[in-house]
Amino acid sequence: MNEIPIRLIRLSDMTLVGRNDVRQHFRSSVPGVTVLYHAPHHVKYAILSHRLTYGEMKAGTAAGPGYEKLKSFCEKAREYQTEFAWSDTCCIDKSSSTELDESIRSMFRWYKNLTICIVHMAESVIIEDILHDEWINEGLDAAGTPCRATGIPVDDLHELLPGPFRVDERMTWAARCKTTRPADSRMEKEEISAFCRLIEAIMHAGNPSVLNWKGEAAKHHFSDAIPRSPQSFVGSQGSEFGGGRLEMTMTSLGLRVALVMLPLTFHLEEFVGVSDVRITLDCPLCPTVKTDITTDHN
């Protein structure tokens, strides 16, 4: 059941329910073993991009314009034959470090298994307004906006292909998302730690584009090869890494990378009457390795 959120809003009565309640809901019509191992196929839920606190929902005291907006979202979700809804702001108990940790680690999976994601863009009336809507800079919600607003190529928007490739380019997409600074220091610390774990996992997969960043390194325990954030990839020079795999291992001494060292021959050529100098570096063992550098002698 961890394939779905820890807690959902039951649309029929607008109350918070846990995974056990969801299991009981389907027990009469779906065999229990099926629910246990294939919950995403049976539990249809909508994710609501909304701001409302967990305490208000749990206590049943949620009211005002925010709650009315949430009810409108839930009514829209029912149109898509969903029975449950989820919103990170009111379905996660942030006072529980265990629940907060699981939620952060499982967020991608929960979004992947949803039936529909509903986003309210209060400042948008026509499609062009989305470019200036406050939601365009809010975290995951940017994934659903047009490519010209996010900088994500249209083909990538139409077909999600998760995996450790084109890391440098795809990190620049994430860099455009500006989330509100977490008020909870534990959540902020976990977000930084989660990004470091992500970079380490990509390094373990062997894609060299993860090294194409610049600026200050993250405050990592062992290595300065970990960037601080997706913003570190913005402005880095484009590089062609081919399809090869680079062996990278994070050790207690830092990042270990296997490198091939080749001897180079140095040639210097000065041009008569001009101040330019051409330097040529080539490898006697591998003729295809050759670099020409032209510089001003002065």
C-alpha atoms as a PDB file:
ATOM      1  CA  MET A   1       0.000   0.000   0.000  1.00  0.00           C
ATOM      2  CA  ASN A   2       2.987   2.360   0.123  1.00  0.00           C
ATOM      3  CA  GLU A   3       2.421   2.917  -3.601  1.00  0.00           C
ATOM      4  CA  ILE A   4      -0.276   5.431  -2.590  1.00  0.00           C
ATOM      5  CA  PRO A   5      -0.046   8.379  -0.147  1.00  0.00           C
ATOM      6  CA  ILE A   6      -0.082   7.726   3.599  1.00  0.00           C
ATOM      7  CA  ARG A   7      -3.281   9.713   3.969  1.00  0.00           C
ATOM      8  CA  LEU A   8      -6.046  10.699   1.495  1.00  0.00           C
ATOM      9  CA  ILE A   9      -9.134  12.890   1.497  1.00  0.00           C
ATOM     10  CA  ARG A  10     -12.277  10.763   1.092  1.00  0.00           C
ATOM     11  CA  LEU A  11     -14.378  12.764  -1.345  1.00  0.00           C
ATOM     12  CA  SER A  12     -17.721  11.448  -0.131  1.00  0.00           C
ATOM     13  CA  ASP A  13     -17.466  13.183   3.265  1.00  0.00           C
ATOM     14  CA  MET A  14     -14.297  15.345   2.934  1.00  0.00           C
ATOM     15  CA  THR A  15     -12.473  13.584   5.775  1.00  0.00           C
ATOM     16  CA  LEU A  16      -8.865  12.353   6.051  1.00  0.00           C
ATOM     17  CA  VAL A  17      -8.449   8.579   5.856  1.00  0.00           C
ATOM     18  CA  GLY A  18      -5.371   6.380   6.182  1.00  0.00           C
ATOM     19  CA  ARG A  19      -4.222   3.423   4.112  1.00  0.00           C
ATOM     20  CA  ASN A  20      -6.071   0.934   6.331  1.00  0.00           C
ATOM     21  CA  ASP A  21      -9.311   2.833   5.717  1.00  0.00           C
ATOM     22  CA  VAL A  22      -8.667   2.722   1.972  1.00  0.00           C
ATOM     23  CA  ARG A  23      -8.033  -1.032   2.184  1.00  0.00           C
ATOM     24  CA  GLN A  24     -11.302  -1.552   4.057  1.00  0.00           C
ATOM     25  CA  HIS A  25     -13.101   0.557   1.465  1.00  0.00           C
ATOM     26  CA  PHE A  26     -12.172  -1.881  -1.280  1.00  0.00           C
ATOM     27  CA  ARG A  27     -12.243  -5.119   0.725  1.00  0.00           C
ATOM     28  CA  SER A  28     -15.866  -5.902  -0.114  1.00  0.00           C
ATOM     29  CA  SER A  29     -15.388  -5.638  -3.880  1.00  0.00           C
ATOM     30  CA  VAL A  30     -11.704  -6.410  -4.429  1.00  0.00           C
ATOM     31  CA  PRO A  31      -9.804  -9.409  -2.970  1.00  0.00           C
ATOM     32  CA  GLY A  32      -7.556  -8.255  -0.141  1.00  0.00           C
ATOM     33  CA  VAL A  33      -4.385  -9.720  -1.645  1.00  0.00           C
ATOM     34  CA  THR A  34      -5.002  -7.786  -4.853  1.00  0.00           C
ATOM     35  CA  VAL A  35      -5.435  -4.533  -2.959  1.00  0.00           C
ATOM     36  CA  LEU A  36      -2.264  -5.133  -1.005  1.00  0.00           C
ATOM     37  CA  TYR A  37      -0.024  -5.631  -4.007  1.00  0.00           C
ATOM     38  CA  HIS A  38      -1.779  -3.711  -6.771  1.00  0.00           C
ATOM     39  CA  ALA A  39      -3.276  -0.731  -4.962  1.00  0.00           C
ATOM     40  CA  PRO A  40      -2.470   1.803  -7.738  1.00  0.00           C
ATOM     41  CA  HIS A  41      -4.683  -0.136 -10.174  1.00  0.00           C
ATOM     42  CA  HIS A  42      -7.735   0.132  -7.891  1.00  0.00           C
ATOM     43  CA  VAL A  43      -7.287   3.283  -5.818  1.00  0.00           C
ATOM     44  CA  LYS A  44      -8.117   6.231  -8.072  1.00  0.00           C
ATOM     45  CA  TYR A  45      -7.131   9.522  -6.512  1.00  0.00           C
ATOM     46  CA  ALA A  46      -6.668  13.100  -7.672  1.00  0.00           C
ATOM     47  CA  ILE A  47      -3.789  15.279  -6.532  1.00  0.00           C
ATOM     48  CA  LEU A  48      -4.805  18.813  -5.702  1.00  0.00           C
ATOM     49  CA  SER A  49      -2.305  21.644  -5.968  1.00  0.00           C
ATOM     50  CA  HIS A  50      -3.536  23.670  -3.002  1.00  0.00           C
ATOM     51  CA  ARG A  51      -2.573  25.323   0.306  1.00  0.00           C
ATOM     52  CA  LEU A  52      -4.362  24.100   3.442  1.00  0.00           C
ATOM     53  CA  THR A  53      -2.950  22.792   6.743  1.00  0.00           C
ATOM     54  CA  TYR A  54      -3.038  19.209   8.005  1.00  0.00           C
ATOM     55  CA  GLY A  55      -4.208  20.340  11.450  1.00  0.00           C
ATOM     56  CA  GLU A  56      -7.303  22.023  10.041  1.00  0.00           C
ATOM     57  CA  MET A  57      -8.309  18.941   8.049  1.00  0.00           C
ATOM     58  CA  LYS A  58      -7.675  16.517  10.919  1.00  0.00           C
ATOM     59  CA  ALA A  59      -9.620  18.613  13.427  1.00  0.00           C
ATOM     60  CA  GLY A  60     -12.455  19.197  10.980  1.00  0.00           C
ATOM     61  CA  THR A  61     -12.149  22.943  11.467  1.00  0.00           C
ATOM     62  CA  ALA A  62     -11.098  23.861   7.924  1.00  0.00           C
ATOM     63  CA  ALA A  63     -13.184  26.786   6.718  1.00  0.00           C
ATOM     64  CA  GLY A  64     -13.033  30.005   4.757  1.00  0.00           C
ATOM     65  CA  PRO A  65     -12.145  30.724   1.108  1.00  0.00           C
ATOM     66  CA  GLY A  66      -9.312  28.190   1.103  1.00  0.00           C
ATOM     67  CA  TYR A  67     -11.546  25.355   2.209  1.00  0.00           C
ATOM     68  CA  GLU A  68     -14.267  26.362  -0.261  1.00  0.00           C
ATOM     69  CA  LYS A  69     -11.672  26.233  -3.024  1.00  0.00           C
ATOM     70  CA  LEU A  70     -10.614  22.771  -1.831  1.00  0.00           C
ATOM     71  CA  LYS A  71     -14.215  21.583  -1.974  1.00  0.00           C
ATOM     72  CA  SER A  72     -14.499  22.882  -5.532  1.00  0.00           C
ATOM     73  CA  PHE A  73     -11.367  20.922  -6.459  1.00  0.00           C
ATOM     74  CA  CYS A  74     -12.866  17.777  -4.947  1.00  0.00           C
ATOM     75  CA  GLU A  75     -16.051  18.270  -6.939  1.00  0.00           C
ATOM     76  CA  LYS A  76     -13.951  18.523 -10.084  1.00  0.00           C
ATOM     77  CA  ALA A  77     -12.079  15.356  -9.084  1.00  0.00           C
ATOM     78  CA  ARG A  78     -15.386  13.442  -8.809  1.00  0.00           C
ATOM     79  CA  GLU A  79     -16.031  14.221 -12.470  1.00  0.00           C
ATOM     80  CA  TYR A  80     -13.071  11.955 -13.243  1.00  0.00           C
ATOM     81  CA  GLN A  81     -14.548   9.056 -11.237  1.00  0.00           C
ATOM     82  CA  THR A  82     -12.062   9.353  -8.389  1.00  0.00           C
ATOM     83  CA  GLU A  83     -13.067   8.568  -4.814  1.00  0.00           C
ATOM     84  CA  PHE A  84     -10.058  10.080  -3.056  1.00  0.00           C
ATOM     85  CA  ALA A  85      -7.860  13.164  -3.283  1.00  0.00           C
ATOM     86  CA  TRP A  86      -4.458  14.166  -1.945  1.00  0.00           C
ATOM     87  CA  SER A  87      -2.744  17.480  -1.258  1.00  0.00           C
ATOM     88  CA  ASP A  88       0.707  17.726   0.299  1.00  0.00           C
ATOM     89  CA  THR A  89      -0.181  20.694   2.502  1.00  0.00           C
ATOM     90  CA  CYS A  90      -3.125  19.079   4.288  1.00  0.00           C
ATOM     91  CA  CYS A  91      -2.464  15.322   3.973  1.00  0.00           C
ATOM     92  CA  ILE A  92       1.028  15.175   5.504  1.00  0.00           C
ATOM     93  CA  ASP A  93       1.586  15.417   9.247  1.00  0.00           C
ATOM     94  CA  LYS A  94       4.776  17.502   9.228  1.00  0.00           C
ATOM     95  CA  SER A  95       5.123  17.089  13.002  1.00  0.00           C
ATOM     96  CA  SER A  96       6.079  13.446  12.345  1.00  0.00           C
ATOM     97  CA  SER A  97       9.653  13.187  11.052  1.00  0.00           C
ATOM     98  CA  THR A  98       9.023   9.571   9.953  1.00  0.00           C
ATOM     99  CA  GLU A  99       5.962  10.493   7.911  1.00  0.00           C
ATOM    100  CA  LEU A 100       7.669  13.555   6.456  1.00  0.00           C
ATOM    101  CA  ASP A 101      10.691  11.491   5.410  1.00  0.00           C
ATOM    102  CA  GLU A 102       8.562   8.815   3.718  1.00  0.00           C
ATOM    103  CA  SER A 103       6.482  11.456   1.958  1.00  0.00           C
ATOM    104  CA  ILE A 104       9.502  13.230   0.489  1.00  0.00           C
ATOM    105  CA  ARG A 105      11.044   9.952  -0.659  1.00  0.00           C
ATOM    106  CA  SER A 106       7.782   8.662  -2.156  1.00  0.00           C
ATOM    107  CA  MET A 107       6.476  11.851  -3.780  1.00  0.00           C
ATOM    108  CA  PHE A 108       7.452  10.910  -7.342  1.00  0.00           C
ATOM    109  CA  ARG A 109       5.791   7.495  -6.992  1.00  0.00           C
ATOM    110  CA  TRP A 110       2.582   9.028  -5.660  1.00  0.00           C
ATOM    111  CA  TYR A 111       2.404  11.501  -8.512  1.00  0.00           C
ATOM    112  CA  LYS A 112       3.131   8.709 -10.998  1.00  0.00           C
ATOM    113  CA  ASN A 113       0.238   6.599  -9.692  1.00  0.00           C
ATOM    114  CA  LEU A 114      -2.380   9.363  -9.617  1.00  0.00           C
ATOM    115  CA  THR A 115      -5.475   9.430 -11.802  1.00  0.00           C
ATOM    116  CA  ILE A 116      -5.420  13.180 -12.444  1.00  0.00           C
ATOM    117  CA  CYS A 117      -3.621  16.271 -11.127  1.00  0.00           C
ATOM    118  CA  ILE A 118      -5.753  19.404 -10.808  1.00  0.00           C
ATOM    119  CA  VAL A 119      -3.995  22.771 -10.593  1.00  0.00           C
ATOM    120  CA  HIS A 120      -5.717  26.064  -9.828  1.00  0.00           C
ATOM    121  CA  MET A 121      -4.104  29.024 -11.597  1.00  0.00           C
ATOM    122  CA  ALA A 122      -5.948  31.971 -10.083  1.00  0.00           C
ATOM    123  CA  GLU A 123      -4.157  34.575 -12.214  1.00  0.00           C
ATOM    124  CA  SER A 124      -4.676  32.847 -15.571  1.00  0.00           C
ATOM    125  CA  VAL A 125      -7.623  33.408 -17.879  1.00  0.00           C
ATOM    126  CA  ILE A 126      -6.044  32.611 -21.247  1.00  0.00           C
ATOM    127  CA  ILE A 127      -3.081  30.375 -22.115  1.00  0.00           C
ATOM    128  CA  GLU A 128      -0.670  33.331 -22.372  1.00  0.00           C
ATOM    129  CA  ASP A 129      -1.405  34.246 -18.742  1.00  0.00           C
ATOM    130  CA  ILE A 130       0.251  31.036 -17.546  1.00  0.00           C
ATOM    131  CA  LEU A 131       3.667  32.527 -18.296  1.00  0.00           C
ATOM    132  CA  HIS A 132       3.129  35.089 -15.533  1.00  0.00           C
ATOM    133  CA  ASP A 133       1.037  33.070 -13.082  1.00  0.00           C
ATOM    134  CA  GLU A 134       2.540  32.589  -9.611  1.00  0.00           C
ATOM    135  CA  TRP A 135       2.135  28.827 -10.005  1.00  0.00           C
ATOM    136  CA  ILE A 136       4.687  28.741 -12.833  1.00  0.00           C
ATOM    137  CA  ASN A 137       7.423  29.080 -10.203  1.00  0.00           C
ATOM    138  CA  GLU A 138       5.939  26.603  -7.733  1.00  0.00           C
ATOM    139  CA  GLY A 139       7.760  23.249  -7.678  1.00  0.00           C
ATOM    140  CA  LEU A 140       6.036  20.260  -9.241  1.00  0.00           C
ATOM    141  CA  ASP A 141       3.157  22.280 -10.679  1.00  0.00           C
ATOM    142  CA  ALA A 142       5.434  23.607 -13.414  1.00  0.00           C
ATOM    143  CA  ALA A 143       5.535  20.116 -14.927  1.00  0.00           C
ATOM    144  CA  GLY A 144       2.019  20.574 -16.292  1.00  0.00           C
ATOM    145  CA  THR A 145       2.444  23.918 -18.054  1.00  0.00           C
ATOM    146  CA  PRO A 146       3.315  24.523 -21.722  1.00  0.00           C
ATOM    147  CA  CYS A 147       6.857  24.004 -22.924  1.00  0.00           C
ATOM    148  CA  ARG A 148       7.464  27.695 -23.612  1.00  0.00           C
ATOM    149  CA  ALA A 149       6.743  28.455 -19.968  1.00  0.00           C
ATOM    150  CA  THR A 150       8.908  25.707 -18.492  1.00  0.00           C
ATOM    151  CA  GLY A 151      11.725  25.498 -21.022  1.00  0.00           C
ATOM    152  CA  ILE A 152      11.041  21.769 -21.380  1.00  0.00           C
ATOM    153  CA  PRO A 153      10.922  20.499 -24.994  1.00  0.00           C
ATOM    154  CA  VAL A 154       7.441  19.510 -26.107  1.00  0.00           C
ATOM    155  CA  ASP A 155       8.470  15.894 -26.766  1.00  0.00           C
ATOM    156  CA  ASP A 156       9.631  15.538 -23.168  1.00  0.00           C
ATOM    157  CA  LEU A 157       6.365  16.996 -21.888  1.00  0.00           C
ATOM    158  CA  HIS A 158       4.311  14.557 -23.946  1.00  0.00           C
ATOM    159  CA  GLU A 159       6.282  11.464 -22.964  1.00  0.00           C
ATOM    160  CA  LEU A 160       7.935  11.074 -19.559  1.00  0.00           C
ATOM    161  CA  LEU A 161      11.100   8.974 -19.774  1.00  0.00           C
ATOM    162  CA  PRO A 162      12.666   8.792 -16.296  1.00  0.00           C
ATOM    163  CA  GLY A 163      16.303   7.807 -16.185  1.00  0.00           C
ATOM    164  CA  PRO A 164      19.859   9.059 -15.610  1.00  0.00           C
ATOM    165  CA  PHE A 165      20.552  10.617 -19.014  1.00  0.00           C
ATOM    166  CA  ARG A 166      20.891  14.231 -20.282  1.00  0.00           C
ATOM    167  CA  VAL A 167      21.254  15.055 -16.605  1.00  0.00           C
ATOM    168  CA  ASP A 168      22.819  18.488 -17.104  1.00  0.00           C
ATOM    169  CA  GLU A 169      20.071  19.607 -19.493  1.00  0.00           C
ATOM    170  CA  ARG A 170      17.214  18.243 -17.391  1.00  0.00           C
ATOM    171  CA  MET A 171      18.550  19.794 -14.207  1.00  0.00           C
ATOM    172  CA  THR A 172      18.193  23.215 -15.849  1.00  0.00           C
ATOM    173  CA  TRP A 173      14.457  22.505 -16.163  1.00  0.00           C
ATOM    174  CA  ALA A 174      14.253  21.889 -12.424  1.00  0.00           C
ATOM    175  CA  ALA A 175      16.277  25.044 -11.787  1.00  0.00           C
ATOM    176  CA  ARG A 176      13.393  27.147 -13.130  1.00  0.00           C
ATOM    177  CA  CYS A 177      11.102  25.922 -10.343  1.00  0.00           C
ATOM    178  CA  LYS A 178      11.285  28.167  -7.279  1.00  0.00           C
ATOM    179  CA  THR A 179       9.626  26.691  -4.216  1.00  0.00           C
ATOM    180  CA  THR A 180       8.917  28.515  -0.990  1.00  0.00           C
ATOM    181  CA  ARG A 181      11.656  28.089   1.597  1.00  0.00           C
ATOM    182  CA  PRO A 182      10.459  25.437   4.102  1.00  0.00           C
ATOM    183  CA  ALA A 183       9.609  26.836   7.519  1.00  0.00           C
ATOM    184  CA  ASP A 184      10.549  23.502   9.085  1.00  0.00           C
ATOM    185  CA  SER A 185      14.345  23.175   9.324  1.00  0.00           C
ATOM    186  CA  ARG A 186      14.050  19.386   9.275  1.00  0.00           C
ATOM    187  CA  MET A 187      12.276  19.491   5.933  1.00  0.00           C
ATOM    188  CA  GLU A 188      14.872  21.888   4.510  1.00  0.00           C
ATOM    189  CA  LYS A 189      17.685  19.619   5.684  1.00  0.00           C
ATOM    190  CA  GLU A 190      15.968  16.562   4.199  1.00  0.00           C
ATOM    191  CA  GLU A 191      15.479  18.324   0.849  1.00  0.00           C
ATOM    192  CA  ILE A 192      19.211  19.089   0.646  1.00  0.00           C
ATOM    193  CA  SER A 193      20.081  15.551   1.699  1.00  0.00           C
ATOM    194  CA  ALA A 194      17.627  14.117  -0.850  1.00  0.00           C
ATOM    195  CA  PHE A 195      19.255  16.101  -3.673  1.00  0.00           C
ATOM    196  CA  CYS A 196      22.694  14.809  -2.666  1.00  0.00           C
ATOM    197  CA  ARG A 197      21.330  11.237  -2.651  1.00  0.00           C
ATOM    198  CA  LEU A 198      19.856  11.819  -6.106  1.00  0.00           C
ATOM    199  CA  ILE A 199      23.188  13.007  -7.516  1.00  0.00           C
ATOM    200  CA  GLU A 200      24.977  10.038  -5.924  1.00  0.00           C
ATOM    201  CA  ALA A 201      22.458   7.625  -7.476  1.00  0.00           C
ATOM    202  CA  ILE A 202      22.955   9.222 -10.908  1.00  0.00           C
ATOM    203  CA  MET A 203      26.728   8.959 -10.474  1.00  0.00           C
ATOM    204  CA  HIS A 204      26.355   5.287  -9.586  1.00  0.00           C
ATOM    205  CA  ALA A 205      24.406   4.828 -12.853  1.00  0.00           C
ATOM    206  CA  GLY A 206      27.484   6.153 -14.677  1.00  0.00           C
ATOM    207  CA  ASN A 207      26.160   9.069 -16.723  1.00  0.00           C
ATOM    208  CA  PRO A 208      29.012  11.618 -17.048  1.00  0.00           C
ATOM    209  CA  SER A 209      26.693  14.560 -17.788  1.00  0.00           C
ATOM    210  CA  VAL A 210      26.047  14.773 -14.035  1.00  0.00           C
ATOM    211  CA  LEU A 211      29.531  16.290 -13.701  1.00  0.00           C
ATOM    212  CA  ASN A 212      28.754  19.162 -16.099  1.00  0.00           C
ATOM    213  CA  TRP A 213      28.041  21.865 -13.501  1.00  0.00           C
ATOM    214  CA  LYS A 214      29.789  24.908 -12.051  1.00  0.00           C
ATOM    215  CA  GLY A 215      29.835  26.982  -8.893  1.00  0.00           C
ATOM    216  CA  GLU A 216      30.022  26.002  -5.236  1.00  0.00           C
ATOM    217  CA  ALA A 217      29.736  22.383  -4.144  1.00  0.00           C
ATOM    218  CA  ALA A 218      27.171  21.090  -1.685  1.00  0.00           C
ATOM    219  CA  LYS A 219      28.130  20.611   1.943  1.00  0.00           C
ATOM    220  CA  HIS A 220      28.629  16.903   1.412  1.00  0.00           C
ATOM    221  CA  HIS A 221      30.279  14.591   3.908  1.00  0.00           C
ATOM    222  CA  PHE A 222      32.888  13.184   1.546  1.00  0.00           C
ATOM    223  CA  SER A 223      33.077  14.948  -1.807  1.00  0.00           C
ATOM    224  CA  ASP A 224      33.101  18.361  -3.473  1.00  0.00           C
ATOM    225  CA  ALA A 225      31.850  16.722  -6.677  1.00  0.00           C
ATOM    226  CA  ILE A 226      28.224  17.113  -5.535  1.00  0.00           C
ATOM    227  CA  PRO A 227      26.550  20.356  -6.738  1.00  0.00           C
ATOM    228  CA  ARG A 228      24.515  22.480  -4.336  1.00  0.00           C
ATOM    229  CA  SER A 229      21.265  22.447  -6.322  1.00  0.00           C
ATOM    230  CA  PRO A 230      19.822  22.213  -9.849  1.00  0.00           C
ATOM    231  CA  GLN A 231      20.810  25.888 -10.288  1.00  0.00           C
ATOM    232  CA  SER A 232      24.442  24.719 -10.413  1.00  0.00           C
ATOM    233  CA  PHE A 233      23.784  23.286 -13.894  1.00  0.00           C
ATOM    234  CA  VAL A 234      22.513  26.583 -15.320  1.00  0.00           C
ATOM    235  CA  GLY A 235      25.039  28.235 -17.606  1.00  0.00           C
ATOM    236  CA  SER A 236      27.363  25.239 -17.802  1.00  0.00           C
ATOM    237  CA  GLN A 237      28.925  24.676 -21.197  1.00  0.00           C
ATOM    238  CA  GLY A 238      27.231  22.065 -23.338  1.00  0.00           C
ATOM    239  CA  SER A 239      29.231  18.907 -23.843  1.00  0.00           C
ATOM    240  CA  GLU A 240      28.799  15.761 -25.905  1.00  0.00           C
ATOM    241  CA  PHE A 241      29.417  12.749 -23.692  1.00  0.00           C
ATOM    242  CA  GLY A 242      28.339  10.054 -26.130  1.00  0.00           C
ATOM    243  CA  GLY A 243      26.643   6.925 -24.885  1.00  0.00           C
ATOM    244  CA  GLY A 244      29.489   5.551 -22.809  1.00  0.00           C
ATOM    245  CA  ARG A 245      29.294   4.746 -19.117  1.00  0.00           C
ATOM    246  CA  LEU A 246      31.736   6.355 -16.694  1.00  0.00           C
ATOM    247  CA  GLU A 247      32.538   4.290 -13.626  1.00  0.00           C
ATOM    248  CA  MET A 248      31.979   6.495 -10.571  1.00  0.00           C
ATOM    249  CA  THR A 249      32.013   5.411  -6.936  1.00  0.00           C
ATOM    250  CA  MET A 250      31.508   7.540  -3.836  1.00  0.00           C
ATOM    251  CA  THR A 251      33.951   6.524  -1.099  1.00  0.00           C
ATOM    252  CA  SER A 252      34.879   7.896   2.323  1.00  0.00           C
ATOM    253  CA  LEU A 253      37.719   9.755   0.576  1.00  0.00           C
ATOM    254  CA  GLY A 254      35.522  11.303  -2.105  1.00  0.00           C
ATOM    255  CA  LEU A 255      34.455  10.498  -5.655  1.00  0.00           C
ATOM    256  CA  ARG A 256      36.506   7.807  -7.359  1.00  0.00           C
ATOM    257  CA  VAL A 257      36.556   7.948 -11.168  1.00  0.00           C
ATOM    258  CA  ALA A 258      38.492   5.676 -13.499  1.00  0.00           C
ATOM    259  CA  LEU A 259      40.560   7.767 -15.913  1.00  0.00           C
ATOM    260  CA  VAL A 260      42.671   6.888 -18.940  1.00  0.00           C
ATOM    261  CA  MET A 261      46.001   8.731 -19.051  1.00  0.00           C
ATOM    262  CA  LEU A 262      47.647   9.187 -22.454  1.00  0.00           C
ATOM    263  CA  PRO A 263      51.041  10.718 -23.327  1.00  0.00           C
ATOM    264  CA  LEU A 264      50.850  13.942 -25.330  1.00  0.00           C
ATOM    265  CA  THR A 265      53.369  15.513 -27.671  1.00  0.00           C
ATOM    266  CA  PHE A 266      53.727  19.297 -27.581  1.00  0.00           C
ATOM    267  CA  HIS A 267      54.281  21.314 -30.792  1.00  0.00           C
ATOM    268  CA  LEU A 268      54.709  25.099 -30.928  1.00  0.00           C
ATOM    269  CA  GLU A 269      54.391  27.056 -34.174  1.00  0.00           C
ATOM    270  CA  GLU A 270      54.955  30.813 -34.389  1.00  0.00           C
ATOM    271  CA  PHE A 271      53.652  32.768 -37.371  1.00  0.00           C
ATOM    272  CA  VAL A 272      56.120  35.235 -38.942  1.00  0.00           C
ATOM    273  CA  GLY A 273      54.843  38.812 -39.027  1.00  0.00           C
ATOM    274  CA  VAL A 274      51.890  38.190 -36.676  1.00  0.00           C
ATOM    275  CA  SER A 275      51.609  37.741 -32.950  1.00  0.00           C
ATOM    276  CA  ASP A 276      49.585  34.504 -33.068  1.00  0.00           C
ATOM    277  CA  VAL A 277      50.988  31.217 -31.819  1.00  0.00           C
ATOM    278  CA  ARG A 278      49.532  27.784 -32.511  1.00  0.00           C
ATOM    279  CA  ILE A 279      50.000  25.014 -29.982  1.00  0.00           C
ATOM    280  CA  THR A 280      49.288  21.447 -31.032  1.00  0.00           C
ATOM    281  CA  LEU A 281      48.838  18.566 -28.621  1.00  0.00           C
ATOM    282  CA  ASP A 282      48.609  15.061 -30.052  1.00  0.00           C
ATOM    283  CA  CYS A 283      48.931  11.520 -28.768  1.00  0.00           C
ATOM    284  CA  PRO A 284      51.458   9.156 -30.362  1.00  0.00           C
ATOM    285  CA  LEU A 285      49.419   6.158 -29.162  1.00  0.00           C
ATOM    286  CA  CYS A 286      46.074   7.399 -30.465  1.00  0.00           C
ATOM    287  CA  PRO A 287      46.240   9.594 -33.616  1.00  0.00           C
ATOM    288  CA  THR A 288      42.603  10.664 -33.264  1.00  0.00           C
ATOM    289  CA  VAL A 289      43.469  12.518 -30.052  1.00  0.00           C
ATOM    290  CA  LYS A 290      44.624  15.913 -31.299  1.00  0.00           C
ATOM    291  CA  THR A 291      43.989  19.475 -30.128  1.00  0.00           C
ATOM    292  CA  ASP A 292      45.009  22.755 -31.760  1.00  0.00           C
ATOM    293  CA  ILE A 293      45.117  25.957 -29.695  1.00  0.00           C
ATOM    294  CA  THR A 294      45.719  29.349 -31.267  1.00  0.00           C
ATOM    295  CA  THR A 295      46.611  32.198 -28.929  1.00  0.00           C
ATOM    296  CA  ASP A 296      48.117  35.671 -28.952  1.00  0.00           C
ATOM    297  CA  HIS A 297      51.876  35.547 -28.333  1.00  0.00           C
ATOM    298  CA  ASN A 298      51.688  38.842 -26.418  1.00  0.00           C
END
